N, C-alpha and C. Protein backbone atom coordinates (compact mmCIF):
# COMPACT_ATOMS: atom_id res chain seq x y z
N MET A 1 -73.88 54.89 -52.99
CA MET A 1 -73.57 56.25 -52.57
C MET A 1 -72.90 56.21 -51.20
N SER A 2 -71.84 56.96 -51.03
CA SER A 2 -71.12 56.99 -49.77
C SER A 2 -71.80 57.94 -48.78
N TYR A 3 -71.47 57.76 -47.52
CA TYR A 3 -72.05 58.56 -46.46
C TYR A 3 -71.46 59.97 -46.47
N SER A 4 -72.30 60.95 -46.26
CA SER A 4 -71.87 62.34 -46.14
C SER A 4 -72.40 62.87 -44.81
N VAL A 5 -71.48 63.26 -43.93
CA VAL A 5 -71.87 63.70 -42.59
C VAL A 5 -72.45 65.12 -42.67
N PRO A 6 -73.62 65.34 -42.10
CA PRO A 6 -74.21 66.69 -42.10
C PRO A 6 -73.42 67.63 -41.19
N ARG A 7 -73.22 68.85 -41.64
CA ARG A 7 -72.51 69.86 -40.84
C ARG A 7 -73.18 70.06 -39.48
N SER A 8 -74.50 70.04 -39.45
CA SER A 8 -75.22 70.23 -38.19
C SER A 8 -74.87 69.15 -37.17
N LEU A 9 -74.66 67.92 -37.63
CA LEU A 9 -74.29 66.83 -36.73
C LEU A 9 -72.89 67.08 -36.15
N VAL A 10 -71.95 67.50 -36.99
CA VAL A 10 -70.59 67.78 -36.54
C VAL A 10 -70.60 68.94 -35.54
N GLU A 11 -71.36 69.98 -35.84
CA GLU A 11 -71.45 71.12 -34.92
C GLU A 11 -72.06 70.71 -33.58
N THR A 12 -73.06 69.83 -33.60
CA THR A 12 -73.66 69.34 -32.36
C THR A 12 -72.67 68.51 -31.57
N PHE A 13 -71.89 67.66 -32.27
CA PHE A 13 -70.84 66.89 -31.60
C PHE A 13 -69.86 67.84 -30.91
N TYR A 14 -69.37 68.86 -31.63
CA TYR A 14 -68.38 69.77 -31.05
C TYR A 14 -68.96 70.60 -29.91
N LYS A 15 -70.23 70.89 -29.95
CA LYS A 15 -70.85 71.61 -28.84
C LYS A 15 -70.77 70.76 -27.57
N ALA A 16 -71.09 69.47 -27.68
CA ALA A 16 -71.00 68.56 -26.54
C ALA A 16 -69.54 68.35 -26.11
N TYR A 17 -68.65 68.22 -27.09
CA TYR A 17 -67.23 68.00 -26.81
C TYR A 17 -66.63 69.21 -26.09
N ALA A 18 -66.92 70.41 -26.58
CA ALA A 18 -66.40 71.63 -25.96
C ALA A 18 -66.94 71.82 -24.54
N ALA A 19 -68.17 71.40 -24.31
CA ALA A 19 -68.78 71.51 -22.98
C ALA A 19 -68.33 70.38 -22.05
N ARG A 20 -67.56 69.43 -22.59
CA ARG A 20 -67.10 68.25 -21.84
C ARG A 20 -68.29 67.48 -21.29
N ASP A 21 -69.39 67.46 -22.08
CA ASP A 21 -70.59 66.71 -21.73
C ASP A 21 -70.42 65.28 -22.26
N LEU A 22 -69.79 64.43 -21.44
CA LEU A 22 -69.41 63.11 -21.91
C LEU A 22 -70.60 62.21 -22.19
N ALA A 23 -71.73 62.42 -21.54
CA ALA A 23 -72.92 61.63 -21.85
C ALA A 23 -73.37 61.91 -23.28
N LYS A 24 -73.33 63.17 -23.69
CA LYS A 24 -73.71 63.51 -25.07
C LYS A 24 -72.62 63.10 -26.05
N VAL A 25 -71.35 63.28 -25.68
CA VAL A 25 -70.25 62.85 -26.55
C VAL A 25 -70.37 61.36 -26.84
N ALA A 26 -70.71 60.57 -25.82
CA ALA A 26 -70.84 59.12 -25.97
C ALA A 26 -71.83 58.75 -27.07
N ASP A 27 -72.90 59.54 -27.20
CA ASP A 27 -73.90 59.27 -28.23
C ASP A 27 -73.33 59.38 -29.64
N PHE A 28 -72.23 60.13 -29.80
CA PHE A 28 -71.63 60.34 -31.11
C PHE A 28 -70.50 59.35 -31.41
N LEU A 29 -70.11 58.54 -30.45
CA LEU A 29 -68.98 57.63 -30.65
C LEU A 29 -69.45 56.24 -31.06
N ASP A 30 -68.86 55.73 -32.12
CA ASP A 30 -69.09 54.36 -32.54
C ASP A 30 -68.52 53.43 -31.47
N ASP A 31 -69.11 52.26 -31.29
CA ASP A 31 -68.61 51.32 -30.28
C ASP A 31 -67.16 50.94 -30.53
N ASP A 32 -66.73 50.92 -31.80
CA ASP A 32 -65.37 50.52 -32.18
C ASP A 32 -64.51 51.71 -32.58
N VAL A 33 -64.79 52.89 -32.06
CA VAL A 33 -64.06 54.11 -32.41
C VAL A 33 -62.56 53.94 -32.13
N SER A 34 -61.75 54.54 -32.99
CA SER A 34 -60.31 54.62 -32.78
C SER A 34 -59.97 56.10 -32.63
N TRP A 35 -59.34 56.47 -31.51
CA TRP A 35 -59.06 57.88 -31.20
C TRP A 35 -57.57 58.01 -30.89
N THR A 36 -56.84 58.72 -31.73
CA THR A 36 -55.41 58.90 -31.56
C THR A 36 -55.09 60.37 -31.33
N ILE A 37 -54.28 60.63 -30.30
CA ILE A 37 -53.77 61.97 -30.04
C ILE A 37 -52.26 61.89 -30.15
N SER A 38 -51.69 62.64 -31.09
CA SER A 38 -50.24 62.63 -31.26
C SER A 38 -49.59 63.41 -30.14
N GLY A 39 -48.45 62.95 -29.70
CA GLY A 39 -47.73 63.65 -28.67
C GLY A 39 -46.96 62.71 -27.78
N PRO A 40 -46.12 63.27 -26.92
CA PRO A 40 -45.28 62.46 -26.04
C PRO A 40 -46.06 61.90 -24.86
N VAL A 41 -46.32 60.61 -24.89
CA VAL A 41 -47.15 59.95 -23.89
C VAL A 41 -46.54 60.05 -22.49
N ASP A 42 -45.20 60.11 -22.39
CA ASP A 42 -44.58 60.17 -21.07
C ASP A 42 -44.85 61.49 -20.35
N LEU A 43 -45.11 62.57 -21.09
CA LEU A 43 -45.41 63.87 -20.48
C LEU A 43 -46.88 64.24 -20.57
N LEU A 44 -47.53 63.85 -21.64
CA LEU A 44 -48.96 64.11 -21.82
C LEU A 44 -49.65 62.75 -21.91
N ARG A 45 -50.02 62.21 -20.74
CA ARG A 45 -50.50 60.83 -20.64
C ARG A 45 -51.76 60.55 -21.45
N PHE A 46 -52.47 61.59 -21.86
CA PHE A 46 -53.68 61.37 -22.65
C PHE A 46 -53.35 61.10 -24.12
N CYS A 47 -52.11 61.31 -24.53
CA CYS A 47 -51.71 61.03 -25.91
C CYS A 47 -51.66 59.52 -26.14
N GLY A 48 -51.64 59.15 -27.41
CA GLY A 48 -51.63 57.73 -27.77
C GLY A 48 -52.95 57.37 -28.43
N THR A 49 -53.15 56.10 -28.63
CA THR A 49 -54.36 55.60 -29.31
C THR A 49 -55.24 54.84 -28.34
N ARG A 50 -56.52 55.14 -28.39
CA ARG A 50 -57.53 54.42 -27.61
C ARG A 50 -58.48 53.75 -28.61
N HIS A 51 -58.85 52.52 -28.31
CA HIS A 51 -59.78 51.78 -29.16
C HIS A 51 -61.04 51.46 -28.36
N GLY A 52 -62.18 51.78 -28.95
CA GLY A 52 -63.46 51.49 -28.32
C GLY A 52 -63.99 52.68 -27.54
N LYS A 53 -65.31 52.74 -27.49
CA LYS A 53 -66.00 53.86 -26.83
C LYS A 53 -65.60 53.99 -25.37
N ALA A 54 -65.55 52.89 -24.64
CA ALA A 54 -65.23 52.94 -23.21
C ALA A 54 -63.84 53.52 -22.98
N ALA A 55 -62.87 53.12 -23.79
CA ALA A 55 -61.49 53.62 -23.61
C ALA A 55 -61.39 55.11 -23.93
N VAL A 56 -62.11 55.56 -24.96
CA VAL A 56 -62.09 56.98 -25.32
C VAL A 56 -62.74 57.81 -24.23
N LEU A 57 -63.87 57.37 -23.73
CA LEU A 57 -64.55 58.11 -22.66
C LEU A 57 -63.72 58.11 -21.38
N ASP A 58 -63.04 57.02 -21.08
CA ASP A 58 -62.17 56.97 -19.91
C ASP A 58 -61.03 57.98 -20.06
N MET A 59 -60.47 58.08 -21.25
CA MET A 59 -59.41 59.05 -21.50
C MET A 59 -59.92 60.47 -21.25
N MET A 60 -61.11 60.77 -21.76
CA MET A 60 -61.68 62.12 -21.59
C MET A 60 -62.06 62.41 -20.15
N GLU A 61 -62.61 61.41 -19.47
CA GLU A 61 -63.14 61.62 -18.12
C GLU A 61 -62.08 61.53 -17.03
N ARG A 62 -61.10 60.63 -17.20
CA ARG A 62 -60.14 60.37 -16.13
C ARG A 62 -58.71 60.81 -16.48
N VAL A 63 -58.21 60.42 -17.66
CA VAL A 63 -56.80 60.62 -17.97
C VAL A 63 -56.48 62.09 -18.24
N VAL A 64 -57.30 62.76 -19.06
CA VAL A 64 -57.04 64.19 -19.34
C VAL A 64 -57.05 65.01 -18.05
N PRO A 65 -58.05 64.88 -17.18
CA PRO A 65 -58.05 65.68 -15.94
C PRO A 65 -56.86 65.40 -15.01
N GLU A 66 -56.20 64.25 -15.17
CA GLU A 66 -55.00 63.98 -14.37
C GLU A 66 -53.85 64.88 -14.81
N VAL A 67 -53.92 65.40 -16.06
CA VAL A 67 -52.87 66.27 -16.59
C VAL A 67 -53.23 67.72 -16.36
N PHE A 68 -54.44 68.12 -16.78
CA PHE A 68 -54.90 69.49 -16.58
C PHE A 68 -56.42 69.57 -16.72
N HIS A 69 -56.97 70.72 -16.35
CA HIS A 69 -58.42 70.94 -16.41
C HIS A 69 -58.73 71.82 -17.64
N ILE A 70 -59.41 71.24 -18.62
CA ILE A 70 -59.78 71.99 -19.83
C ILE A 70 -60.94 72.91 -19.49
N PHE A 71 -60.77 74.20 -19.78
CA PHE A 71 -61.87 75.13 -19.56
C PHE A 71 -62.36 75.77 -20.85
N SER A 72 -61.67 75.54 -21.96
CA SER A 72 -62.12 76.09 -23.23
C SER A 72 -61.63 75.23 -24.38
N PHE A 73 -62.52 74.93 -25.29
CA PHE A 73 -62.18 74.24 -26.53
C PHE A 73 -62.99 74.91 -27.63
N VAL A 74 -62.30 75.57 -28.54
CA VAL A 74 -62.97 76.33 -29.60
C VAL A 74 -62.45 75.84 -30.94
N HIS A 75 -63.36 75.50 -31.85
CA HIS A 75 -62.87 75.19 -33.19
C HIS A 75 -63.01 76.43 -34.07
N ASP A 76 -61.88 76.74 -34.73
CA ASP A 76 -61.79 77.95 -35.53
C ASP A 76 -62.20 77.73 -36.98
N ALA A 77 -61.96 76.54 -37.50
CA ALA A 77 -62.27 76.27 -38.90
C ALA A 77 -62.70 74.82 -39.03
N MET A 78 -63.58 74.57 -39.98
CA MET A 78 -64.09 73.23 -40.22
C MET A 78 -64.23 72.99 -41.70
N LEU A 79 -63.79 71.82 -42.14
CA LEU A 79 -63.93 71.41 -43.53
C LEU A 79 -64.54 70.02 -43.54
N ILE A 80 -65.61 69.86 -44.30
CA ILE A 80 -66.29 68.57 -44.40
C ILE A 80 -66.25 68.11 -45.84
N ASP A 81 -65.81 66.87 -46.03
CA ASP A 81 -65.76 66.26 -47.36
C ASP A 81 -66.29 64.84 -47.24
N GLY A 82 -67.56 64.65 -47.56
CA GLY A 82 -68.18 63.33 -47.43
C GLY A 82 -68.25 62.91 -45.98
N ASP A 83 -67.58 61.79 -45.66
CA ASP A 83 -67.58 61.27 -44.29
C ASP A 83 -66.40 61.77 -43.47
N ARG A 84 -65.58 62.64 -44.07
CA ARG A 84 -64.36 63.15 -43.41
C ARG A 84 -64.55 64.59 -42.94
N VAL A 85 -63.99 64.89 -41.77
CA VAL A 85 -64.08 66.22 -41.18
C VAL A 85 -62.69 66.61 -40.70
N ALA A 86 -62.28 67.83 -41.02
CA ALA A 86 -61.03 68.38 -40.49
C ALA A 86 -61.36 69.69 -39.79
N THR A 87 -60.81 69.86 -38.60
CA THR A 87 -61.04 71.09 -37.85
C THR A 87 -59.71 71.61 -37.31
N LEU A 88 -59.65 72.92 -37.18
CA LEU A 88 -58.53 73.59 -36.51
C LEU A 88 -59.11 74.17 -35.23
N ASN A 89 -58.45 73.90 -34.11
CA ASN A 89 -59.02 74.21 -32.80
C ASN A 89 -57.99 74.85 -31.88
N ARG A 90 -58.49 75.43 -30.78
CA ARG A 90 -57.61 75.91 -29.71
C ARG A 90 -58.16 75.36 -28.40
N LEU A 91 -57.26 74.73 -27.64
CA LEU A 91 -57.59 74.19 -26.33
C LEU A 91 -56.91 75.06 -25.28
N SER A 92 -57.65 75.40 -24.23
CA SER A 92 -57.10 76.14 -23.10
C SER A 92 -57.46 75.37 -21.83
N ALA A 93 -56.46 75.25 -20.95
CA ALA A 93 -56.65 74.48 -19.73
C ALA A 93 -55.85 75.10 -18.59
N SER A 94 -56.24 74.73 -17.38
CA SER A 94 -55.47 75.18 -16.22
C SER A 94 -54.65 74.02 -15.69
N LEU A 95 -53.47 74.38 -15.26
CA LEU A 95 -52.53 73.43 -14.66
C LEU A 95 -52.03 74.10 -13.39
N GLY A 96 -52.75 73.86 -12.30
CA GLY A 96 -52.45 74.60 -11.07
C GLY A 96 -52.73 76.07 -11.30
N GLU A 97 -51.74 76.92 -11.10
CA GLU A 97 -51.87 78.37 -11.28
C GLU A 97 -51.66 78.80 -12.72
N ARG A 98 -51.07 77.94 -13.54
CA ARG A 98 -50.74 78.28 -14.93
C ARG A 98 -51.89 77.95 -15.88
N VAL A 99 -51.90 78.69 -16.98
CA VAL A 99 -52.84 78.41 -18.07
C VAL A 99 -52.03 77.84 -19.23
N VAL A 100 -52.52 76.76 -19.80
CA VAL A 100 -51.93 76.11 -20.95
C VAL A 100 -52.89 76.31 -22.12
N SER A 101 -52.37 76.77 -23.25
CA SER A 101 -53.21 77.01 -24.43
C SER A 101 -52.42 76.66 -25.67
N TYR A 102 -52.99 75.78 -26.51
CA TYR A 102 -52.29 75.39 -27.72
C TYR A 102 -53.29 75.04 -28.83
N ARG A 103 -52.77 75.04 -30.06
CA ARG A 103 -53.58 74.71 -31.24
C ARG A 103 -53.54 73.21 -31.48
N LEU A 104 -54.59 72.72 -32.08
CA LEU A 104 -54.64 71.32 -32.48
C LEU A 104 -55.59 71.16 -33.66
N ALA A 105 -55.36 70.13 -34.41
CA ALA A 105 -56.22 69.82 -35.55
C ALA A 105 -56.82 68.44 -35.32
N HIS A 106 -58.07 68.29 -35.70
CA HIS A 106 -58.73 66.99 -35.68
C HIS A 106 -58.99 66.56 -37.12
N CYS A 107 -58.65 65.33 -37.42
CA CYS A 107 -59.01 64.69 -38.68
C CYS A 107 -59.92 63.54 -38.29
N MET A 108 -61.18 63.62 -38.68
CA MET A 108 -62.17 62.65 -38.20
C MET A 108 -62.87 61.97 -39.38
N ARG A 109 -63.37 60.77 -39.08
CA ARG A 109 -64.20 60.06 -40.05
C ARG A 109 -65.48 59.63 -39.34
N PHE A 110 -66.61 59.89 -39.99
CA PHE A 110 -67.92 59.55 -39.46
C PHE A 110 -68.54 58.43 -40.29
N ARG A 111 -69.39 57.63 -39.66
CA ARG A 111 -70.19 56.63 -40.35
C ARG A 111 -71.54 56.55 -39.65
N ASP A 112 -72.58 56.75 -40.39
CA ASP A 112 -73.94 56.66 -39.85
C ASP A 112 -74.13 57.53 -38.61
N GLY A 113 -73.59 58.75 -38.65
CA GLY A 113 -73.78 59.71 -37.57
C GLY A 113 -72.88 59.51 -36.37
N LYS A 114 -71.91 58.60 -36.48
CA LYS A 114 -71.02 58.31 -35.36
C LYS A 114 -69.57 58.55 -35.77
N VAL A 115 -68.76 58.98 -34.80
CA VAL A 115 -67.32 59.11 -35.01
C VAL A 115 -66.72 57.72 -34.97
N VAL A 116 -66.04 57.32 -36.05
CA VAL A 116 -65.39 56.02 -36.08
C VAL A 116 -63.87 56.13 -36.00
N GLU A 117 -63.34 57.32 -36.30
CA GLU A 117 -61.90 57.51 -36.26
C GLU A 117 -61.56 58.97 -36.04
N THR A 118 -60.63 59.24 -35.14
CA THR A 118 -60.14 60.59 -34.90
C THR A 118 -58.63 60.56 -34.76
N LEU A 119 -57.99 61.48 -35.47
CA LEU A 119 -56.56 61.72 -35.30
C LEU A 119 -56.44 63.17 -34.86
N SER A 120 -55.91 63.38 -33.67
CA SER A 120 -55.73 64.72 -33.13
C SER A 120 -54.24 65.05 -33.19
N LEU A 121 -53.92 66.07 -33.97
CA LEU A 121 -52.53 66.51 -34.12
C LEU A 121 -52.36 67.78 -33.30
N ILE A 122 -51.62 67.66 -32.19
CA ILE A 122 -51.45 68.81 -31.32
C ILE A 122 -50.07 69.44 -31.55
N ASP A 123 -49.96 70.70 -31.20
CA ASP A 123 -48.67 71.36 -31.20
C ASP A 123 -47.97 70.90 -29.93
N SER A 124 -47.44 69.68 -29.96
CA SER A 124 -46.95 69.04 -28.74
C SER A 124 -45.71 69.73 -28.17
N PHE A 125 -44.88 70.32 -29.02
CA PHE A 125 -43.70 71.04 -28.52
C PHE A 125 -44.16 72.19 -27.62
N ASP A 126 -45.09 72.98 -28.13
CA ASP A 126 -45.62 74.11 -27.36
C ASP A 126 -46.33 73.62 -26.11
N ALA A 127 -47.17 72.58 -26.26
CA ALA A 127 -47.93 72.07 -25.12
C ALA A 127 -47.00 71.56 -24.02
N VAL A 128 -45.96 70.82 -24.39
CA VAL A 128 -45.03 70.27 -23.40
C VAL A 128 -44.29 71.39 -22.68
N GLU A 129 -43.83 72.40 -23.42
CA GLU A 129 -43.15 73.53 -22.77
C GLU A 129 -44.06 74.20 -21.74
N GLN A 130 -45.33 74.36 -22.09
CA GLN A 130 -46.27 74.99 -21.17
C GLN A 130 -46.55 74.11 -19.95
N VAL A 131 -46.70 72.81 -20.16
CA VAL A 131 -46.96 71.89 -19.05
C VAL A 131 -45.75 71.85 -18.11
N LEU A 132 -44.54 71.81 -18.69
CA LEU A 132 -43.33 71.79 -17.87
C LEU A 132 -43.05 73.14 -17.21
N GLY A 133 -43.49 74.22 -17.84
CA GLY A 133 -43.28 75.55 -17.30
C GLY A 133 -41.96 76.19 -17.69
N HIS A 134 -41.30 75.62 -18.69
CA HIS A 134 -40.04 76.19 -19.18
C HIS A 134 -39.77 75.71 -20.60
N PRO A 135 -38.93 76.46 -21.36
CA PRO A 135 -38.59 76.04 -22.72
C PRO A 135 -37.82 74.73 -22.71
N LEU A 136 -38.01 73.94 -23.75
CA LEU A 136 -37.25 72.71 -23.89
C LEU A 136 -35.87 73.03 -24.44
N ALA A 137 -34.87 72.36 -23.92
CA ALA A 137 -33.52 72.50 -24.44
C ALA A 137 -33.43 71.70 -25.73
N VAL A 138 -32.93 72.32 -26.78
CA VAL A 138 -32.78 71.66 -28.07
C VAL A 138 -31.28 71.50 -28.32
N PRO A 139 -30.76 70.27 -28.20
CA PRO A 139 -29.33 70.05 -28.38
C PRO A 139 -28.84 70.55 -29.74
N GLY A 140 -27.67 71.20 -29.72
CA GLY A 140 -27.06 71.67 -30.97
C GLY A 140 -27.65 72.94 -31.52
N CYS A 141 -28.52 73.58 -30.75
CA CYS A 141 -29.16 74.81 -31.22
C CYS A 141 -28.74 75.95 -30.30
N ALA A 142 -27.90 76.84 -30.83
CA ALA A 142 -27.38 77.95 -30.03
C ALA A 142 -28.48 78.92 -29.60
N ALA A 143 -29.59 78.95 -30.35
CA ALA A 143 -30.64 79.91 -30.06
C ALA A 143 -31.56 79.46 -28.93
N ALA A 144 -31.43 78.21 -28.48
CA ALA A 144 -32.34 77.68 -27.45
C ALA A 144 -32.28 78.54 -26.19
N GLY A 145 -33.46 78.94 -25.72
CA GLY A 145 -33.55 79.68 -24.48
C GLY A 145 -33.50 81.18 -24.63
N ASN A 146 -33.18 81.72 -25.81
CA ASN A 146 -33.13 83.17 -25.92
C ASN A 146 -34.31 83.74 -26.69
N GLY A 147 -35.33 82.91 -26.93
CA GLY A 147 -36.54 83.39 -27.57
C GLY A 147 -36.46 83.49 -29.09
N GLU A 148 -35.38 83.02 -29.67
CA GLU A 148 -35.25 83.09 -31.12
C GLU A 148 -35.46 81.74 -31.80
N LEU A 149 -35.80 80.72 -31.03
CA LEU A 149 -36.00 79.40 -31.56
C LEU A 149 -37.39 79.28 -32.17
N VAL A 150 -37.46 78.76 -33.37
CA VAL A 150 -38.74 78.52 -34.03
C VAL A 150 -38.85 77.04 -34.28
N ALA A 151 -39.90 76.41 -33.78
CA ALA A 151 -40.13 74.98 -33.98
C ALA A 151 -41.16 74.80 -35.09
N VAL A 152 -40.85 73.94 -36.03
CA VAL A 152 -41.76 73.68 -37.14
C VAL A 152 -42.11 72.22 -37.14
């Protein structure tokens, strides 16, 4: 029989994660966890793949705060299928005087009550525009900059 992660365990993990309680988050991470955040590493330094509990916690504790200060993380929807969990979330953070807020999805795999794999898919186009403080120029697109551009 394969492992099925209890919803209560996932909710407890997200409560600690949203509170940025890294001591509690650490309890949920497998020693060999793989944590990937999609996005442009040159602008959002926390993006990329981290392997191992220490690297993931370092990213959460040191690298993310170098970019911005997260003050809200809310998951809007959760789907659990055996050892797999998918969530739709909204992250809000401060960057100096500005507020950055974007959607992201987590695709996670649990084993024996621990996170062993996470893929975080962020709306990186939106996030980068907010971090930079201006719309990105899209070559060859006449609508760029006039509010009619839709990124998919």
